[in-house]
Amino acid sequence: MTQATHPTLARTLAPAPSLARDVLLILGGAALVALVAQVELPLKPVPVTLQTLAVLLVGAALGWKRGAASLSTYLLAGAAGLPVFAGGSAGLAKFAGPTGGYLLSYVFAAALVGWLVQRYALDRRPLGAALAMLAASVVIYAFGLTWLGLVTGLKGQALLTAGLTPFLLGDGLKIGLAALLLPGAWALARKR
């Protein structure tokens, strides 16, 4: 990854560098994803949750390194048995199931959106934020659909119907919300 050229929202709001600050930001991001994962519409084989919204916001607000660390922490907590995944589920078996690819993608999606906002300051305007979120969403679907196909044997239209189509409207709304929240947060940060 290239050297960051723009400060993150987290760095702007908490500018004094310290290990304690970084640990709190990483844990706070993981906790946010765990919290919104409990807002679930239980579709099969992949539920609808607010996780992706939090993943995108955490990556954008924390930057690529802390965003990736935060989502890695979230995944490790779930793998260790903490009930942080959708519906309060946990355990290593989640990674072998139909949602495993989506879960693993979160680290890469957070890193990508974080890198894009650090490199190009895309989180300062709604269109830029939406484009960064869209790029990260492509990563989530690439991992998620690939793994879902391997685990279930679904292919083609059946795979898209199970792992993409039901989520497009919701993800569009999440991206729209994030594209408004990030520039709004920056506007508030500038007034401080």
C-alpha atoms as a PDB file:
ATOM      1  CA  MET A   1       0.000   0.000   0.000  1.00  0.00           C
ATOM      2  CA  THR A   2       1.153   3.506  -0.781  1.00  0.00           C
ATOM      3  CA  GLN A   3       1.915   6.114   1.863  1.00  0.00           C
ATOM      4  CA  ALA A   4      -1.278   7.803   3.070  1.00  0.00           C
ATOM      5  CA  THR A   5      -1.667  11.375   1.915  1.00  0.00           C
ATOM      6  CA  HIS A   6      -4.842  12.452   3.750  1.00  0.00           C
ATOM      7  CA  PRO A   7      -5.717  12.138   7.437  1.00  0.00           C
ATOM      8  CA  THR A   8      -8.510   9.812   8.464  1.00  0.00           C
ATOM      9  CA  LEU A   9     -11.558  10.990  10.348  1.00  0.00           C
ATOM     10  CA  ALA A  10     -10.301   9.131  13.431  1.00  0.00           C
ATOM     11  CA  ARG A  11      -6.899  10.841  13.239  1.00  0.00           C
ATOM     12  CA  THR A  12      -8.579  14.224  12.833  1.00  0.00           C
ATOM     13  CA  LEU A  13     -10.836  13.694  15.857  1.00  0.00           C
ATOM     14  CA  ALA A  14      -8.105  12.097  18.028  1.00  0.00           C
ATOM     15  CA  PRO A  15      -4.847  13.591  16.700  1.00  0.00           C
ATOM     16  CA  ALA A  16      -2.515  12.647  19.562  1.00  0.00           C
ATOM     17  CA  PRO A  17      -0.868   9.375  18.512  1.00  0.00           C
ATOM     18  CA  SER A  18      -0.730   6.661  21.152  1.00  0.00           C
ATOM     19  CA  LEU A  19      -1.000   2.924  21.418  1.00  0.00           C
ATOM     20  CA  ALA A  20      -4.017   3.339  23.715  1.00  0.00           C
ATOM     21  CA  ARG A  21      -5.822   5.449  21.100  1.00  0.00           C
ATOM     22  CA  ASP A  22      -5.121   2.918  18.360  1.00  0.00           C
ATOM     23  CA  VAL A  23      -6.243  -0.034  20.502  1.00  0.00           C
ATOM     24  CA  LEU A  24      -9.461   1.770  21.469  1.00  0.00           C
ATOM     25  CA  LEU A  25     -10.210   2.670  17.846  1.00  0.00           C
ATOM     26  CA  ILE A  26      -9.581  -0.894  16.674  1.00  0.00           C
ATOM     27  CA  LEU A  27     -11.684  -2.420  19.453  1.00  0.00           C
ATOM     28  CA  GLY A  28     -14.410   0.192  18.965  1.00  0.00           C
ATOM     29  CA  GLY A  29     -14.626  -0.598  15.252  1.00  0.00           C
ATOM     30  CA  ALA A  30     -14.840  -4.334  15.967  1.00  0.00           C
ATOM     31  CA  ALA A  31     -17.536  -3.704  18.578  1.00  0.00           C
ATOM     32  CA  LEU A  32     -19.558  -1.591  16.140  1.00  0.00           C
ATOM     33  CA  VAL A  33     -19.521  -4.359  13.528  1.00  0.00           C
ATOM     34  CA  ALA A  34     -20.473  -6.933  16.187  1.00  0.00           C
ATOM     35  CA  LEU A  35     -23.347  -4.762  17.383  1.00  0.00           C
ATOM     36  CA  VAL A  36     -24.899  -4.135  13.979  1.00  0.00           C
ATOM     37  CA  ALA A  37     -24.434  -7.789  12.983  1.00  0.00           C
ATOM     38  CA  GLN A  38     -27.267  -8.483  15.418  1.00  0.00           C
ATOM     39  CA  VAL A  39     -29.659  -6.444  13.252  1.00  0.00           C
ATOM     40  CA  GLU A  40     -30.583  -9.347  11.015  1.00  0.00           C
ATOM     41  CA  LEU A  41     -33.163 -10.416   8.487  1.00  0.00           C
ATOM     42  CA  PRO A  42     -32.626 -14.203   8.512  1.00  0.00           C
ATOM     43  CA  LEU A  43     -32.534 -15.134   4.821  1.00  0.00           C
ATOM     44  CA  LYS A  44     -30.989 -18.449   3.801  1.00  0.00           C
ATOM     45  CA  PRO A  45     -28.225 -19.191   3.038  1.00  0.00           C
ATOM     46  CA  VAL A  46     -26.928 -15.639   3.697  1.00  0.00           C
ATOM     47  CA  PRO A  47     -28.760 -13.293   6.119  1.00  0.00           C
ATOM     48  CA  VAL A  48     -29.256  -9.584   5.545  1.00  0.00           C
ATOM     49  CA  THR A  49     -27.484  -7.541   8.232  1.00  0.00           C
ATOM     50  CA  LEU A  50     -26.041  -4.084   8.735  1.00  0.00           C
ATOM     51  CA  GLN A  51     -22.517  -5.519   8.980  1.00  0.00           C
ATOM     52  CA  THR A  52     -21.398  -4.236   5.613  1.00  0.00           C
ATOM     53  CA  LEU A  53     -22.423  -0.682   6.516  1.00  0.00           C
ATOM     54  CA  ALA A  54     -20.267  -0.857   9.635  1.00  0.00           C
ATOM     55  CA  VAL A  55     -17.375  -2.509   7.760  1.00  0.00           C
ATOM     56  CA  LEU A  56     -17.347   0.315   5.220  1.00  0.00           C
ATOM     57  CA  LEU A  57     -17.639   3.048   7.844  1.00  0.00           C
ATOM     58  CA  VAL A  58     -14.942   1.523  10.052  1.00  0.00           C
ATOM     59  CA  GLY A  59     -12.537   1.252   7.117  1.00  0.00           C
ATOM     60  CA  ALA A  60     -13.201   4.813   6.022  1.00  0.00           C
ATOM     61  CA  ALA A  61     -13.025   6.338   9.491  1.00  0.00           C
ATOM     62  CA  LEU A  62      -9.980   4.412  10.731  1.00  0.00           C
ATOM     63  CA  GLY A  63      -7.951   4.103   7.534  1.00  0.00           C
ATOM     64  CA  TRP A  64      -6.608   0.993   5.909  1.00  0.00           C
ATOM     65  CA  LYS A  65      -4.289  -0.283   8.649  1.00  0.00           C
ATOM     66  CA  ARG A  66      -6.563   0.263  11.636  1.00  0.00           C
ATOM     67  CA  GLY A  67      -9.624  -0.710   9.588  1.00  0.00           C
ATOM     68  CA  ALA A  68      -8.053  -4.036   8.622  1.00  0.00           C
ATOM     69  CA  ALA A  69      -6.889  -4.558  12.218  1.00  0.00           C
ATOM     70  CA  SER A  70     -10.373  -3.800  13.516  1.00  0.00           C
ATOM     71  CA  LEU A  71     -12.055  -6.304  11.197  1.00  0.00           C
ATOM     72  CA  SER A  72      -9.349  -8.893  11.924  1.00  0.00           C
ATOM     73  CA  THR A  73     -10.118  -8.415  15.616  1.00  0.00           C
ATOM     74  CA  TYR A  74     -13.825  -8.886  14.904  1.00  0.00           C
ATOM     75  CA  LEU A  75     -13.183 -12.132  13.016  1.00  0.00           C
ATOM     76  CA  LEU A  76     -10.809 -13.438  15.684  1.00  0.00           C
ATOM     77  CA  ALA A  77     -13.376 -12.680  18.398  1.00  0.00           C
ATOM     78  CA  GLY A  78     -16.021 -14.631  16.490  1.00  0.00           C
ATOM     79  CA  ALA A  79     -13.642 -17.507  15.759  1.00  0.00           C
ATOM     80  CA  ALA A  80     -12.777 -17.650  19.474  1.00  0.00           C
ATOM     81  CA  GLY A  81     -16.437 -18.145  20.343  1.00  0.00           C
ATOM     82  CA  LEU A  82     -17.681 -14.659  21.173  1.00  0.00           C
ATOM     83  CA  PRO A  83     -21.223 -14.260  19.761  1.00  0.00           C
ATOM     84  CA  VAL A  84     -20.369 -11.410  17.394  1.00  0.00           C
ATOM     85  CA  PHE A  85     -21.568 -12.786  14.058  1.00  0.00           C
ATOM     86  CA  ALA A  86     -25.098 -12.425  12.680  1.00  0.00           C
ATOM     87  CA  GLY A  87     -27.750 -13.713  15.034  1.00  0.00           C
ATOM     88  CA  GLY A  88     -25.277 -13.994  17.918  1.00  0.00           C
ATOM     89  CA  SER A  89     -23.448 -16.880  16.251  1.00  0.00           C
ATOM     90  CA  ALA A  90     -19.757 -17.668  16.651  1.00  0.00           C
ATOM     91  CA  GLY A  91     -17.081 -20.267  16.078  1.00  0.00           C
ATOM     92  CA  LEU A  92     -14.719 -21.459  13.388  1.00  0.00           C
ATOM     93  CA  ALA A  93     -17.548 -23.358  11.668  1.00  0.00           C
ATOM     94  CA  LYS A  94     -18.929 -20.003  10.429  1.00  0.00           C
ATOM     95  CA  PHE A  95     -15.916 -19.702   8.133  1.00  0.00           C
ATOM     96  CA  ALA A  96     -16.639 -23.093   6.550  1.00  0.00           C
ATOM     97  CA  GLY A  97     -20.315 -22.263   5.993  1.00  0.00           C
ATOM     98  CA  PRO A  98     -22.024 -20.244   3.263  1.00  0.00           C
ATOM     99  CA  THR A  99     -21.175 -16.865   4.839  1.00  0.00           C
ATOM    100  CA  GLY A 100     -17.455 -17.585   5.315  1.00  0.00           C
ATOM    101  CA  GLY A 101     -16.363 -15.708   2.205  1.00  0.00           C
ATOM    102  CA  TYR A 102     -18.363 -12.636   3.146  1.00  0.00           C
ATOM    103  CA  LEU A 103     -16.845 -12.648   6.633  1.00  0.00           C
ATOM    104  CA  LEU A 104     -13.276 -13.007   5.363  1.00  0.00           C
ATOM    105  CA  SER A 105     -13.824 -10.243   2.821  1.00  0.00           C
ATOM    106  CA  TYR A 106     -14.439  -7.689   5.552  1.00  0.00           C
ATOM    107  CA  VAL A 107     -10.730  -7.269   6.324  1.00  0.00           C
ATOM    108  CA  PHE A 108      -9.944  -6.576   2.666  1.00  0.00           C
ATOM    109  CA  ALA A 109     -12.981  -4.363   2.093  1.00  0.00           C
ATOM    110  CA  ALA A 110     -12.160  -2.213   5.141  1.00  0.00           C
ATOM    111  CA  ALA A 111      -8.542  -1.968   4.006  1.00  0.00           C
ATOM    112  CA  LEU A 112      -9.561  -0.958   0.485  1.00  0.00           C
ATOM    113  CA  VAL A 113     -12.041   1.731   1.504  1.00  0.00           C
ATOM    114  CA  GLY A 114      -9.558   2.992   4.106  1.00  0.00           C
ATOM    115  CA  TRP A 115      -6.780   3.169   1.534  1.00  0.00           C
ATOM    116  CA  LEU A 116      -9.020   4.973  -0.968  1.00  0.00           C
ATOM    117  CA  VAL A 117     -10.051   7.644   1.522  1.00  0.00           C
ATOM    118  CA  GLN A 118      -6.502   8.104   2.791  1.00  0.00           C
ATOM    119  CA  ARG A 119      -5.033   8.277  -0.681  1.00  0.00           C
ATOM    120  CA  TYR A 120      -7.737  10.336  -2.421  1.00  0.00           C
ATOM    121  CA  ALA A 121      -9.807  11.888   0.417  1.00  0.00           C
ATOM    122  CA  LEU A 122     -12.932  10.309  -1.072  1.00  0.00           C
ATOM    123  CA  ASP A 123     -14.824  10.452   2.231  1.00  0.00           C
ATOM    124  CA  ARG A 124     -15.103  14.253   2.157  1.00  0.00           C
ATOM    125  CA  ARG A 125     -17.866  14.351  -0.514  1.00  0.00           C
ATOM    126  CA  PRO A 126     -20.906  12.113  -1.016  1.00  0.00           C
ATOM    127  CA  LEU A 127     -19.982  10.948  -4.531  1.00  0.00           C
ATOM    128  CA  GLY A 128     -16.419  10.096  -3.556  1.00  0.00           C
ATOM    129  CA  ALA A 129     -17.573   8.257  -0.437  1.00  0.00           C
ATOM    130  CA  ALA A 130     -20.122   6.316  -2.495  1.00  0.00           C
ATOM    131  CA  LEU A 131     -17.462   5.309  -5.041  1.00  0.00           C
ATOM    132  CA  ALA A 132     -15.084   4.096  -2.311  1.00  0.00           C
ATOM    133  CA  MET A 133     -17.915   2.130  -0.686  1.00  0.00           C
ATOM    134  CA  LEU A 134     -18.940   0.644  -4.022  1.00  0.00           C
ATOM    135  CA  ALA A 135     -15.385  -0.545  -4.712  1.00  0.00           C
ATOM    136  CA  ALA A 136     -15.228  -2.188  -1.270  1.00  0.00           C
ATOM    137  CA  SER A 137     -18.643  -3.776  -1.848  1.00  0.00           C
ATOM    138  CA  VAL A 138     -17.296  -5.401  -5.015  1.00  0.00           C
ATOM    139  CA  VAL A 139     -14.586  -6.996  -2.866  1.00  0.00           C
ATOM    140  CA  ILE A 140     -17.213  -8.292  -0.422  1.00  0.00           C
ATOM    141  CA  TYR A 141     -19.261  -9.845  -3.221  1.00  0.00           C
ATOM    142  CA  ALA A 142     -16.209 -11.295  -4.983  1.00  0.00           C
ATOM    143  CA  PHE A 143     -15.135 -13.156  -1.838  1.00  0.00           C
ATOM    144  CA  GLY A 144     -18.680 -13.943  -0.720  1.00  0.00           C
ATOM    145  CA  LEU A 145     -20.014 -15.306  -3.996  1.00  0.00           C
ATOM    146  CA  THR A 146     -16.868 -17.321  -4.690  1.00  0.00           C
ATOM    147  CA  TRP A 147     -17.029 -19.035  -1.316  1.00  0.00           C
ATOM    148  CA  LEU A 148     -20.821 -19.457  -1.421  1.00  0.00           C
ATOM    149  CA  GLY A 149     -20.501 -21.208  -4.785  1.00  0.00           C
ATOM    150  CA  LEU A 150     -17.783 -23.530  -3.488  1.00  0.00           C
ATOM    151  CA  VAL A 151     -19.703 -24.446  -0.332  1.00  0.00           C
ATOM    152  CA  THR A 152     -23.167 -24.850  -1.835  1.00  0.00           C
ATOM    153  CA  GLY A 153     -22.371 -25.935  -5.377  1.00  0.00           C
ATOM    154  CA  LEU A 154     -24.576 -23.133  -6.709  1.00  0.00           C
ATOM    155  CA  LYS A 155     -23.606 -21.653 -10.061  1.00  0.00           C
ATOM    156  CA  GLY A 156     -24.741 -18.925 -12.431  1.00  0.00           C
ATOM    157  CA  GLN A 157     -28.141 -17.398 -11.818  1.00  0.00           C
ATOM    158  CA  ALA A 158     -28.845 -19.627  -8.790  1.00  0.00           C
ATOM    159  CA  LEU A 159     -25.662 -18.340  -7.129  1.00  0.00           C
ATOM    160  CA  LEU A 160     -26.537 -14.716  -7.872  1.00  0.00           C
ATOM    161  CA  THR A 161     -30.078 -15.248  -6.584  1.00  0.00           C
ATOM    162  CA  ALA A 162     -28.757 -16.687  -3.311  1.00  0.00           C
ATOM    163  CA  GLY A 163     -25.804 -14.375  -2.682  1.00  0.00           C
ATOM    164  CA  LEU A 164     -26.219 -11.116  -4.596  1.00  0.00           C
ATOM    165  CA  THR A 165     -29.671 -10.161  -5.829  1.00  0.00           C
ATOM    166  CA  PRO A 166     -31.436 -10.007  -2.430  1.00  0.00           C
ATOM    167  CA  PHE A 167     -28.776  -7.627  -1.114  1.00  0.00           C
ATOM    168  CA  LEU A 168     -28.436  -5.077  -3.906  1.00  0.00           C
ATOM    169  CA  LEU A 169     -31.207  -2.708  -2.802  1.00  0.00           C
ATOM    170  CA  GLY A 170     -30.123  -2.802   0.829  1.00  0.00           C
ATOM    171  CA  ASP A 171     -26.478  -2.329  -0.061  1.00  0.00           C
ATOM    172  CA  GLY A 172     -27.398   0.603  -2.276  1.00  0.00           C
ATOM    173  CA  LEU A 173     -29.201   2.179   0.676  1.00  0.00           C
ATOM    174  CA  LYS A 174     -26.246   1.440   2.994  1.00  0.00           C
ATOM    175  CA  ILE A 175     -23.800   3.005   0.543  1.00  0.00           C
ATOM    176  CA  GLY A 176     -26.080   6.036   0.218  1.00  0.00           C
ATOM    177  CA  LEU A 177     -26.289   6.376   3.996  1.00  0.00           C
ATOM    178  CA  ALA A 178     -22.529   6.038   4.406  1.00  0.00           C
ATOM    179  CA  ALA A 179     -21.997   8.548   1.596  1.00  0.00           C
ATOM    180  CA  LEU A 180     -24.019  11.052   3.616  1.00  0.00           C
ATOM    181  CA  LEU A 181     -22.661  10.159   7.064  1.00  0.00           C
ATOM    182  CA  LEU A 182     -18.965  10.468   6.212  1.00  0.00           C
ATOM    183  CA  PRO A 183     -19.049  13.965   4.670  1.00  0.00           C
ATOM    184  CA  GLY A 184     -21.417  14.999   7.472  1.00  0.00           C
ATOM    185  CA  ALA A 185     -18.944  13.766  10.070  1.00  0.00           C
ATOM    186  CA  TRP A 186     -16.159  15.654   8.309  1.00  0.00           C
ATOM    187  CA  ALA A 187     -18.267  18.848   8.341  1.00  0.00           C
ATOM    188  CA  LEU A 188     -18.730  18.457  12.103  1.00  0.00           C
ATOM    189  CA  ALA A 189     -15.030  17.705  12.618  1.00  0.00           C
ATOM    190  CA  ARG A 190     -14.039  20.886  10.780  1.00  0.00           C
ATOM    191  CA  LYS A 191     -16.267  22.967  13.090  1.00  0.00           C
ATOM    192  CA  ARG A 192     -14.497  21.721  16.215  1.00  0.00           C
END
